[in-house]
């Protein structure tokens, strides 16, 4: 798990870099259309919801579950605004 202070300080930079990288990947792989993530810790659930990820199956007995988000929606996000709220 990433240290909370470090994660908070660089979260916007990391997500903006991720957007740029995925835009470049889209040029090579135009059919790239969805993002999937495996949430392995409950502390990341709030961030996933802010970014717009939808949970596929959420079993209340488990803390691990899949979520997805359309790539075009992720690329359109203004990270400063999304994370400010």
PDB file of N, CA and C in Angstrom:
ATOM      1  N   UNK A   1       0.847  -1.168   0.000  1.00  0.00           N
ATOM      2  CA  UNK A   1       0.000   0.000   0.000  1.00  0.00           C
ATOM      3  C   UNK A   1       0.898   1.238   0.000  1.00  0.00           C
ATOM      4  N   UNK A   2       0.508   2.233  -0.744  1.00  0.00           N
ATOM      5  CA  UNK A   2       1.276   3.475  -0.853  1.00  0.00           C
ATOM      6  C   UNK A   2       1.005   4.342   0.365  1.00  0.00           C
ATOM      7  N   UNK A   3       2.045   4.955   0.912  1.00  0.00           N
ATOM      8  CA  UNK A   3       1.918   5.837   2.059  1.00  0.00           C
ATOM      9  C   UNK A   3       0.897   6.930   1.758  1.00  0.00           C
ATOM     10  N   UNK A   4      -0.033   7.167   2.675  1.00  0.00           N
ATOM     11  CA  UNK A   4      -1.145   8.103   2.458  1.00  0.00           C
ATOM     12  C   UNK A   4      -0.672   9.524   2.167  1.00  0.00           C
ATOM     13  N   UNK A   5       0.347   9.990   2.870  1.00  0.00           N
ATOM     14  CA  UNK A   5       0.842  11.361   2.646  1.00  0.00           C
ATOM     15  C   UNK A   5       1.411  11.505   1.233  1.00  0.00           C
ATOM     16  N   UNK A   6       2.184  10.539   0.796  1.00  0.00           N
ATOM     17  CA  UNK A   6       2.751  10.560  -0.550  1.00  0.00           C
ATOM     18  C   UNK A   6       1.658  10.445  -1.596  1.00  0.00           C
ATOM     19  N   UNK A   7       0.737   9.542  -1.377  1.00  0.00           N
ATOM     20  CA  UNK A   7      -0.365   9.322  -2.315  1.00  0.00           C
ATOM     21  C   UNK A   7      -1.210  10.585  -2.491  1.00  0.00           C
ATOM     22  N   UNK A   8      -1.518  11.248  -1.407  1.00  0.00           N
ATOM     23  CA  UNK A   8      -2.337  12.468  -1.472  1.00  0.00           C
ATOM     24  C   UNK A   8      -1.602  13.595  -2.182  1.00  0.00           C
ATOM     25  N   UNK A   9      -0.326  13.739  -1.906  1.00  0.00           N
ATOM     26  CA  UNK A   9       0.451  14.838  -2.477  1.00  0.00           C
ATOM     27  C   UNK A   9       0.608  14.721  -3.993  1.00  0.00           C
ATOM     28  N   UNK A  10       0.680  13.502  -4.502  1.00  0.00           N
ATOM     29  CA  UNK A  10       0.969  13.308  -5.923  1.00  0.00           C
ATOM     30  C   UNK A  10      -0.186  12.690  -6.708  1.00  0.00           C
ATOM     31  N   UNK A  11      -1.340  12.576  -6.110  1.00  0.00           N
ATOM     32  CA  UNK A  11      -2.478  11.906  -6.756  1.00  0.00           C
ATOM     33  C   UNK A  11      -2.879  12.577  -8.067  1.00  0.00           C
ATOM     34  N   UNK A  12      -3.029  13.897  -8.073  1.00  0.00           N
ATOM     35  CA  UNK A  12      -3.442  14.605  -9.293  1.00  0.00           C
ATOM     36  C   UNK A  12      -2.386  14.431 -10.381  1.00  0.00           C
ATOM     37  N   UNK A  13      -1.110  14.601 -10.029  1.00  0.00           N
ATOM     38  CA  UNK A  13      -0.030  14.438 -11.011  1.00  0.00           C
ATOM     39  C   UNK A  13      -0.026  13.028 -11.596  1.00  0.00           C
ATOM     40  N   UNK A  14      -0.191  12.052 -10.745  1.00  0.00           N
ATOM     41  CA  UNK A  14      -0.204  10.660 -11.199  1.00  0.00           C
ATOM     42  C   UNK A  14      -1.366  10.403 -12.156  1.00  0.00           C
ATOM     43  N   UNK A  15      -2.563  10.876 -11.807  1.00  0.00           N
ATOM     44  CA  UNK A  15      -3.732  10.638 -12.655  1.00  0.00           C
ATOM     45  C   UNK A  15      -3.640  11.402 -13.979  1.00  0.00           C
ATOM     46  N   UNK A  16      -3.085  12.607 -13.957  1.00  0.00           N
ATOM     47  CA  UNK A  16      -2.901  13.356 -15.200  1.00  0.00           C
ATOM     48  C   UNK A  16      -1.882  12.657 -16.097  1.00  0.00           C
ATOM     49  N   UNK A  17      -0.828  12.123 -15.502  1.00  0.00           N
ATOM     50  CA  UNK A  17       0.155  11.369 -16.272  1.00  0.00           C
ATOM     51  C   UNK A  17      -0.479  10.118 -16.861  1.00  0.00           C
ATOM     52  N   UNK A  18      -1.335   9.491 -16.081  1.00  0.00           N
ATOM     53  CA  UNK A  18      -2.047   8.308 -16.565  1.00  0.00           C
ATOM     54  C   UNK A  18      -2.928   8.655 -17.768  1.00  0.00           C
ATOM     55  N   UNK A  19      -3.603   9.799 -17.711  1.00  0.00           N
ATOM     56  CA  UNK A  19      -4.424  10.234 -18.842  1.00  0.00           C
ATOM     57  C   UNK A  19      -3.567  10.424 -20.095  1.00  0.00           C
ATOM     58  N   UNK A  20      -2.422  11.069 -19.954  1.00  0.00           N
ATOM     59  CA  UNK A  20      -1.545  11.304 -21.104  1.00  0.00           C
ATOM     60  C   UNK A  20      -1.031   9.988 -21.687  1.00  0.00           C
ATOM     61  N   UNK A  21      -0.660   9.076 -20.826  1.00  0.00           N
ATOM     62  CA  UNK A  21      -0.168   7.770 -21.280  1.00  0.00           C
ATOM     63  C   UNK A  21      -1.260   7.009 -22.021  1.00  0.00           C
ATOM     64  N   UNK A  22      -2.465   7.030 -21.490  1.00  0.00           N
ATOM     65  CA  UNK A  22      -3.569   6.322 -22.144  1.00  0.00           C
ATOM     66  C   UNK A  22      -3.945   6.965 -23.477  1.00  0.00           C
ATOM     67  N   UNK A  23      -3.824   8.276 -23.582  1.00  0.00           N
ATOM     68  CA  UNK A  23      -4.076   8.945 -24.873  1.00  0.00           C
ATOM     69  C   UNK A  23      -3.070   8.470 -25.918  1.00  0.00           C
ATOM     70  N   UNK A  24      -1.819   8.329 -25.504  1.00  0.00           N
ATOM     71  CA  UNK A  24      -0.797   7.829 -26.425  1.00  0.00           C
ATOM     72  C   UNK A  24      -1.058   6.366 -26.794  1.00  0.00           C
ATOM     73  N   UNK A  25      -1.481   5.582 -25.832  1.00  0.00           N
ATOM     74  CA  UNK A  25      -1.790   4.173 -26.098  1.00  0.00           C
ATOM     75  C   UNK A  25      -2.964   4.039 -27.060  1.00  0.00           C
ATOM     76  N   UNK A  26      -3.921   4.951 -26.970  1.00  0.00           N
ATOM     77  CA  UNK A  26      -5.086   4.914 -27.864  1.00  0.00           C
ATOM     78  C   UNK A  26      -4.688   5.079 -29.319  1.00  0.00           C
ATOM     79  N   UNK A  27      -3.616   5.797 -29.564  1.00  0.00           N
ATOM     80  CA  UNK A  27      -3.152   5.967 -30.945  1.00  0.00           C
ATOM     81  C   UNK A  27      -2.680   4.629 -31.514  1.00  0.00           C
ATOM     82  N   UNK A  28      -2.029   3.829 -30.692  1.00  0.00           N
ATOM     83  CA  UNK A  28      -1.548   2.521 -31.138  1.00  0.00           C
ATOM     84  C   UNK A  28      -2.626   1.447 -31.084  1.00  0.00           C
ATOM     85  N   UNK A  29      -3.556   1.612 -30.159  1.00  0.00           N
ATOM     86  CA  UNK A  29      -4.620   0.623 -29.947  1.00  0.00           C
ATOM     87  C   UNK A  29      -5.976   1.336 -29.951  1.00  0.00           C
ATOM     88  N   UNK A  30      -6.489   1.684 -31.126  1.00  0.00           N
ATOM     89  CA  UNK A  30      -7.725   2.469 -31.201  1.00  0.00           C
ATOM     90  C   UNK A  30      -8.957   1.768 -30.620  1.00  0.00           C
ATOM     91  N   UNK A  31      -8.909   0.463 -30.450  1.00  0.00           N
ATOM     92  CA  UNK A  31     -10.050  -0.250 -29.878  1.00  0.00           C
ATOM     93  C   UNK A  31     -10.022  -0.294 -28.354  1.00  0.00           C
ATOM     94  N   UNK A  32      -9.018   0.317 -27.765  1.00  0.00           N
ATOM     95  CA  UNK A  32      -8.936   0.393 -26.310  1.00  0.00           C
ATOM     96  C   UNK A  32     -10.091   1.269 -25.830  1.00  0.00           C
ATOM     97  N   UNK A  33     -11.014   0.698 -25.052  1.00  0.00           N
ATOM     98  CA  UNK A  33     -12.215   1.466 -24.733  1.00  0.00           C
ATOM     99  C   UNK A  33     -12.645   1.440 -23.274  1.00  0.00           C
ATOM    100  N   UNK A  34     -12.188   0.490 -22.482  1.00  0.00           N
ATOM    101  CA  UNK A  34     -12.613   0.405 -21.088  1.00  0.00           C
ATOM    102  C   UNK A  34     -11.415   0.218 -20.170  1.00  0.00           C
ATOM    103  N   UNK A  35     -11.559   0.734 -18.962  1.00  0.00           N
ATOM    104  CA  UNK A  35     -10.571   0.511 -17.916  1.00  0.00           C
ATOM    105  C   UNK A  35     -11.195  -0.396 -16.865  1.00  0.00           C
ATOM    106  N   UNK A  36     -10.453  -1.355 -16.427  1.00  0.00           N
ATOM    107  CA  UNK A  36     -10.895  -2.230 -15.340  1.00  0.00           C
ATOM    108  C   UNK A  36      -9.866  -2.153 -14.221  1.00  0.00           C
ATOM    109  N   UNK A  37     -10.343  -2.194 -13.004  1.00  0.00           N
ATOM    110  CA  UNK A  37      -9.441  -2.186 -11.865  1.00  0.00           C
ATOM    111  C   UNK A  37      -9.948  -3.149 -10.810  1.00  0.00           C
ATOM    112  N   UNK A  38      -9.034  -3.682 -10.092  1.00  0.00           N
ATOM    113  CA  UNK A  38      -9.359  -4.557  -8.976  1.00  0.00           C
ATOM    114  C   UNK A  38      -9.110  -3.758  -7.705  1.00  0.00           C
ATOM    115  N   UNK A  39     -10.171  -3.439  -6.996  1.00  0.00           N
ATOM    116  CA  UNK A  39     -10.034  -2.699  -5.745  1.00  0.00           C
ATOM    117  C   UNK A  39      -9.710  -3.685  -4.641  1.00  0.00           C
ATOM    118  N   UNK A  40      -8.521  -3.532  -4.090  1.00  0.00           N
ATOM    119  CA  UNK A  40      -8.072  -4.498  -3.095  1.00  0.00           C
ATOM    120  C   UNK A  40      -8.092  -3.939  -1.678  1.00  0.00           C
ATOM    121  N   UNK A  41      -8.390  -2.664  -1.541  1.00  0.00           N
ATOM    122  CA  UNK A  41      -8.437  -2.074  -0.208  1.00  0.00           C
ATOM    123  C   UNK A  41      -9.578  -1.065  -0.155  1.00  0.00           C
ATOM    124  N   UNK A  42     -10.378  -1.094   0.891  1.00  0.00           N
ATOM    125  CA  UNK A  42     -11.535  -0.190   0.989  1.00  0.00           C
ATOM    126  C   UNK A  42     -11.180   1.297   0.926  1.00  0.00           C
ATOM    127  N   UNK A  43      -9.959   1.661   1.260  1.00  0.00           N
ATOM    128  CA  UNK A  43      -9.580   3.075   1.247  1.00  0.00           C
ATOM    129  C   UNK A  43      -9.575   3.665  -0.163  1.00  0.00           C
ATOM    130  N   UNK A  44      -9.500   2.822  -1.190  1.00  0.00           N
ATOM    131  CA  UNK A  44      -9.494   3.313  -2.570  1.00  0.00           C
ATOM    132  C   UNK A  44     -10.900   3.423  -3.170  1.00  0.00           C
ATOM    133  N   UNK A  45     -11.887   2.982  -2.459  1.00  0.00           N
ATOM    134  CA  UNK A  45     -13.253   3.000  -2.981  1.00  0.00           C
ATOM    135  C   UNK A  45     -13.743   4.428  -3.243  1.00  0.00           C
ATOM    136  N   UNK A  46     -13.453   5.353  -2.338  1.00  0.00           N
ATOM    137  CA  UNK A  46     -13.885   6.741  -2.516  1.00  0.00           C
ATOM    138  C   UNK A  46     -13.271   7.348  -3.778  1.00  0.00           C
ATOM    139  N   UNK A  47     -11.982   7.115  -4.011  1.00  0.00           N
ATOM    140  CA  UNK A  47     -11.327   7.630  -5.211  1.00  0.00           C
ATOM    141  C   UNK A  47     -11.956   7.030  -6.459  1.00  0.00           C
ATOM    142  N   UNK A  48     -12.203   5.739  -6.447  1.00  0.00           N
ATOM    143  CA  UNK A  48     -12.821   5.075  -7.595  1.00  0.00           C
ATOM    144  C   UNK A  48     -14.188   5.678  -7.903  1.00  0.00           C
ATOM    145  N   UNK A  49     -14.955   5.968  -6.874  1.00  0.00           N
ATOM    146  CA  UNK A  49     -16.277   6.570  -7.085  1.00  0.00           C
ATOM    147  C   UNK A  49     -16.153   7.986  -7.633  1.00  0.00           C
ATOM    148  N   UNK A  50     -15.209   8.770  -7.128  1.00  0.00           N
ATOM    149  CA  UNK A  50     -15.010  10.131  -7.636  1.00  0.00           C
ATOM    150  C   UNK A  50     -14.645  10.123  -9.115  1.00  0.00           C
ATOM    151  N   UNK A  51     -13.857   9.130  -9.514  1.00  0.00           N
ATOM    152  CA  UNK A  51     -13.436   9.028 -10.909  1.00  0.00           C
ATOM    153  C   UNK A  51     -14.537   8.477 -11.810  1.00  0.00           C
ATOM    154  N   UNK A  52     -15.577   7.919 -11.219  1.00  0.00           N
ATOM    155  CA  UNK A  52     -16.699   7.425 -11.999  1.00  0.00           C
ATOM    156  C   UNK A  52     -16.704   5.935 -12.265  1.00  0.00           C
ATOM    157  N   UNK A  53     -15.842   5.192 -11.605  1.00  0.00           N
ATOM    158  CA  UNK A  53     -15.826   3.742 -11.800  1.00  0.00           C
ATOM    159  C   UNK A  53     -17.135   3.139 -11.313  1.00  0.00           C
ATOM    160  N   UNK A  54     -17.605   2.150 -12.056  1.00  0.00           N
ATOM    161  CA  UNK A  54     -18.814   1.403 -11.699  1.00  0.00           C
ATOM    162  C   UNK A  54     -18.374   0.036 -11.183  1.00  0.00           C
ATOM    163  N   UNK A  55     -18.978  -0.409 -10.106  1.00  0.00           N
ATOM    164  CA  UNK A  55     -18.617  -1.694  -9.528  1.00  0.00           C
ATOM    165  C   UNK A  55     -19.392  -2.797 -10.233  1.00  0.00           C
ATOM    166  N   UNK A  56     -18.680  -3.825 -10.661  1.00  0.00           N
ATOM    167  CA  UNK A  56     -19.327  -4.914 -11.398  1.00  0.00           C
ATOM    168  C   UNK A  56     -20.143  -5.784 -10.458  1.00  0.00           C
ATOM    169  N   UNK A  57     -19.491  -6.399  -9.503  1.00  0.00           N
ATOM    170  CA  UNK A  57     -20.168  -7.223  -8.498  1.00  0.00           C
ATOM    171  C   UNK A  57     -19.519  -6.878  -7.167  1.00  0.00           C
ATOM    172  N   UNK A  58     -20.330  -6.463  -6.238  1.00  0.00           N
ATOM    173  CA  UNK A  58     -19.790  -6.085  -4.935  1.00  0.00           C
ATOM    174  C   UNK A  58     -20.349  -7.036  -3.889  1.00  0.00           C
ATOM    175  N   UNK A  59     -19.514  -7.951  -3.462  1.00  0.00           N
ATOM    176  CA  UNK A  59     -19.894  -8.915  -2.442  1.00  0.00           C
ATOM    177  C   UNK A  59     -19.533  -8.330  -1.081  1.00  0.00           C
ATOM    178  N   UNK A  60     -20.518  -8.159  -0.225  1.00  0.00           N
ATOM    179  CA  UNK A  60     -20.281  -7.546   1.081  1.00  0.00           C
ATOM    180  C   UNK A  60     -19.385  -8.405   1.973  1.00  0.00           C
ATOM    181  N   UNK A  61     -19.210  -9.658   1.629  1.00  0.00           N
ATOM    182  CA  UNK A  61     -18.347 -10.541   2.414  1.00  0.00           C
ATOM    183  C   UNK A  61     -16.878 -10.369   2.050  1.00  0.00           C
ATOM    184  N   UNK A  62     -16.607  -9.754   0.903  1.00  0.00           N
ATOM    185  CA  UNK A  62     -15.237  -9.581   0.424  1.00  0.00           C
ATOM    186  C   UNK A  62     -14.879  -8.102   0.333  1.00  0.00           C
ATOM    187  N   UNK A  63     -13.605  -7.800   0.517  1.00  0.00           N
ATOM    188  CA  UNK A  63     -13.153  -6.422   0.333  1.00  0.00           C
ATOM    189  C   UNK A  63     -12.487  -6.243  -1.028  1.00  0.00           C
ATOM    190  N   UNK A  64     -12.446  -7.296  -1.837  1.00  0.00           N
ATOM    191  CA  UNK A  64     -11.844  -7.251  -3.167  1.00  0.00           C
ATOM    192  C   UNK A  64     -12.951  -7.365  -4.208  1.00  0.00           C
ATOM    193  N   UNK A  65     -12.953  -6.419  -5.168  1.00  0.00           N
ATOM    194  CA  UNK A  65     -13.953  -6.500  -6.226  1.00  0.00           C
ATOM    195  C   UNK A  65     -13.506  -5.692  -7.438  1.00  0.00           C
ATOM    196  N   UNK A  66     -14.148  -5.986  -8.571  1.00  0.00           N
ATOM    197  CA  UNK A  66     -13.821  -5.347  -9.842  1.00  0.00           C
ATOM    198  C   UNK A  66     -14.674  -4.110 -10.064  1.00  0.00           C
ATOM    199  N   UNK A  67     -14.076  -3.135 -10.764  1.00  0.00           N
ATOM    200  CA  UNK A  67     -14.800  -1.932 -11.172  1.00  0.00           C
ATOM    201  C   UNK A  67     -14.324  -1.574 -12.584  1.00  0.00           C
ATOM    202  N   UNK A  68     -15.177  -0.871 -13.331  1.00  0.00           N
ATOM    203  CA  UNK A  68     -14.794  -0.483 -14.692  1.00  0.00           C
ATOM    204  C   UNK A  68     -15.227   0.952 -14.975  1.00  0.00           C
ATOM    205  N   UNK A  69     -14.615   1.529 -15.999  1.00  0.00           N
ATOM    206  CA  UNK A  69     -14.918   2.890 -16.431  1.00  0.00           C
ATOM    207  C   UNK A  69     -14.597   2.988 -17.920  1.00  0.00           C
ATOM    208  N   UNK A  70     -15.472   3.648 -18.662  1.00  0.00           N
ATOM    209  CA  UNK A  70     -15.210   3.862 -20.087  1.00  0.00           C
ATOM    210  C   UNK A  70     -13.998   4.790 -20.230  1.00  0.00           C
ATOM    211  N   UNK A  71     -13.086   4.434 -21.112  1.00  0.00           N
ATOM    212  CA  UNK A  71     -11.849   5.184 -21.282  1.00  0.00           C
ATOM    213  C   UNK A  71     -12.109   6.634 -21.670  1.00  0.00           C
ATOM    214  N   UNK A  72     -13.047   6.870 -22.572  1.00  0.00           N
ATOM    215  CA  UNK A  72     -13.300   8.251 -22.999  1.00  0.00           C
ATOM    216  C   UNK A  72     -13.782   9.123 -21.837  1.00  0.00           C
ATOM    217  N   UNK A  73     -14.529   8.562 -20.921  1.00  0.00           N
ATOM    218  CA  UNK A  73     -14.964   9.317 -19.737  1.00  0.00           C
ATOM    219  C   UNK A  73     -13.782   9.648 -18.839  1.00  0.00           C
ATOM    220  N   UNK A  74     -12.890   8.677 -18.665  1.00  0.00           N
ATOM    221  CA  UNK A  74     -11.703   8.923 -17.840  1.00  0.00           C
ATOM    222  C   UNK A  74     -10.835  10.013 -18.453  1.00  0.00           C
ATOM    223  N   UNK A  75     -10.643   9.961 -19.759  1.00  0.00           N
ATOM    224  CA  UNK A  75      -9.790  10.943 -20.425  1.00  0.00           C
ATOM    225  C   UNK A  75     -10.394  12.345 -20.411  1.00  0.00           C
ATOM    226  N   UNK A  76     -11.706  12.445 -20.288  1.00  0.00           N
ATOM    227  CA  UNK A  76     -12.373  13.748 -20.274  1.00  0.00           C
ATOM    228  C   UNK A  76     -12.385  14.410 -18.892  1.00  0.00           C
ATOM    229  N   UNK A  77     -11.998  13.681 -17.864  1.00  0.00           N
ATOM    230  CA  UNK A  77     -12.042  14.227 -16.508  1.00  0.00           C
ATOM    231  C   UNK A  77     -11.003  15.326 -16.295  1.00  0.00           C
ATOM    232  N   UNK A  78     -11.399  16.368 -15.578  1.00  0.00           N
ATOM    233  CA  UNK A  78     -10.483  17.403 -15.108  1.00  0.00           C
ATOM    234  C   UNK A  78     -10.084  16.976 -13.697  1.00  0.00           C
ATOM    235  N   UNK A  79      -8.905  16.397 -13.563  1.00  0.00           N
ATOM    236  CA  UNK A  79      -8.521  15.786 -12.303  1.00  0.00           C
ATOM    237  C   UNK A  79      -8.490  16.778 -11.136  1.00  0.00           C
ATOM    238  N   UNK A  80      -8.046  18.000 -11.385  1.00  0.00           N
ATOM    239  CA  UNK A  80      -8.010  19.003 -10.310  1.00  0.00           C
ATOM    240  C   UNK A  80      -9.399  19.204  -9.751  1.00  0.00           C
ATOM    241  N   UNK A  81     -10.387  19.306 -10.624  1.00  0.00           N
ATOM    242  CA  UNK A  81     -11.773  19.546 -10.202  1.00  0.00           C
ATOM    243  C   UNK A  81     -12.371  18.325  -9.527  1.00  0.00           C
ATOM    244  N   UNK A  82     -12.165  17.158 -10.116  1.00  0.00           N
ATOM    245  CA  UNK A  82     -12.728  15.927  -9.569  1.00  0.00           C
ATOM    246  C   UNK A  82     -12.220  15.657  -8.161  1.00  0.00           C
ATOM    247  N   UNK A  83     -10.938  15.854  -7.945  1.00  0.00           N
ATOM    248  CA  UNK A  83     -10.350  15.532  -6.646  1.00  0.00           C
ATOM    249  C   UNK A  83     -10.480  16.655  -5.636  1.00  0.00           C
ATOM    250  N   UNK A  84     -10.881  17.834  -6.084  1.00  0.00           N
ATOM    251  CA  UNK A  84     -11.075  18.955  -5.160  1.00  0.00           C
ATOM    252  C   UNK A  84     -12.339  18.767  -4.335  1.00  0.00           C
ATOM    253  N   UNK A  85     -13.318  18.059  -4.877  1.00  0.00           N
ATOM    254  CA  UNK A  85     -14.589  17.877  -4.183  1.00  0.00           C
ATOM    255  C   UNK A  85     -14.508  16.834  -3.104  1.00  0.00           C
TER     256      UNK A  85
END
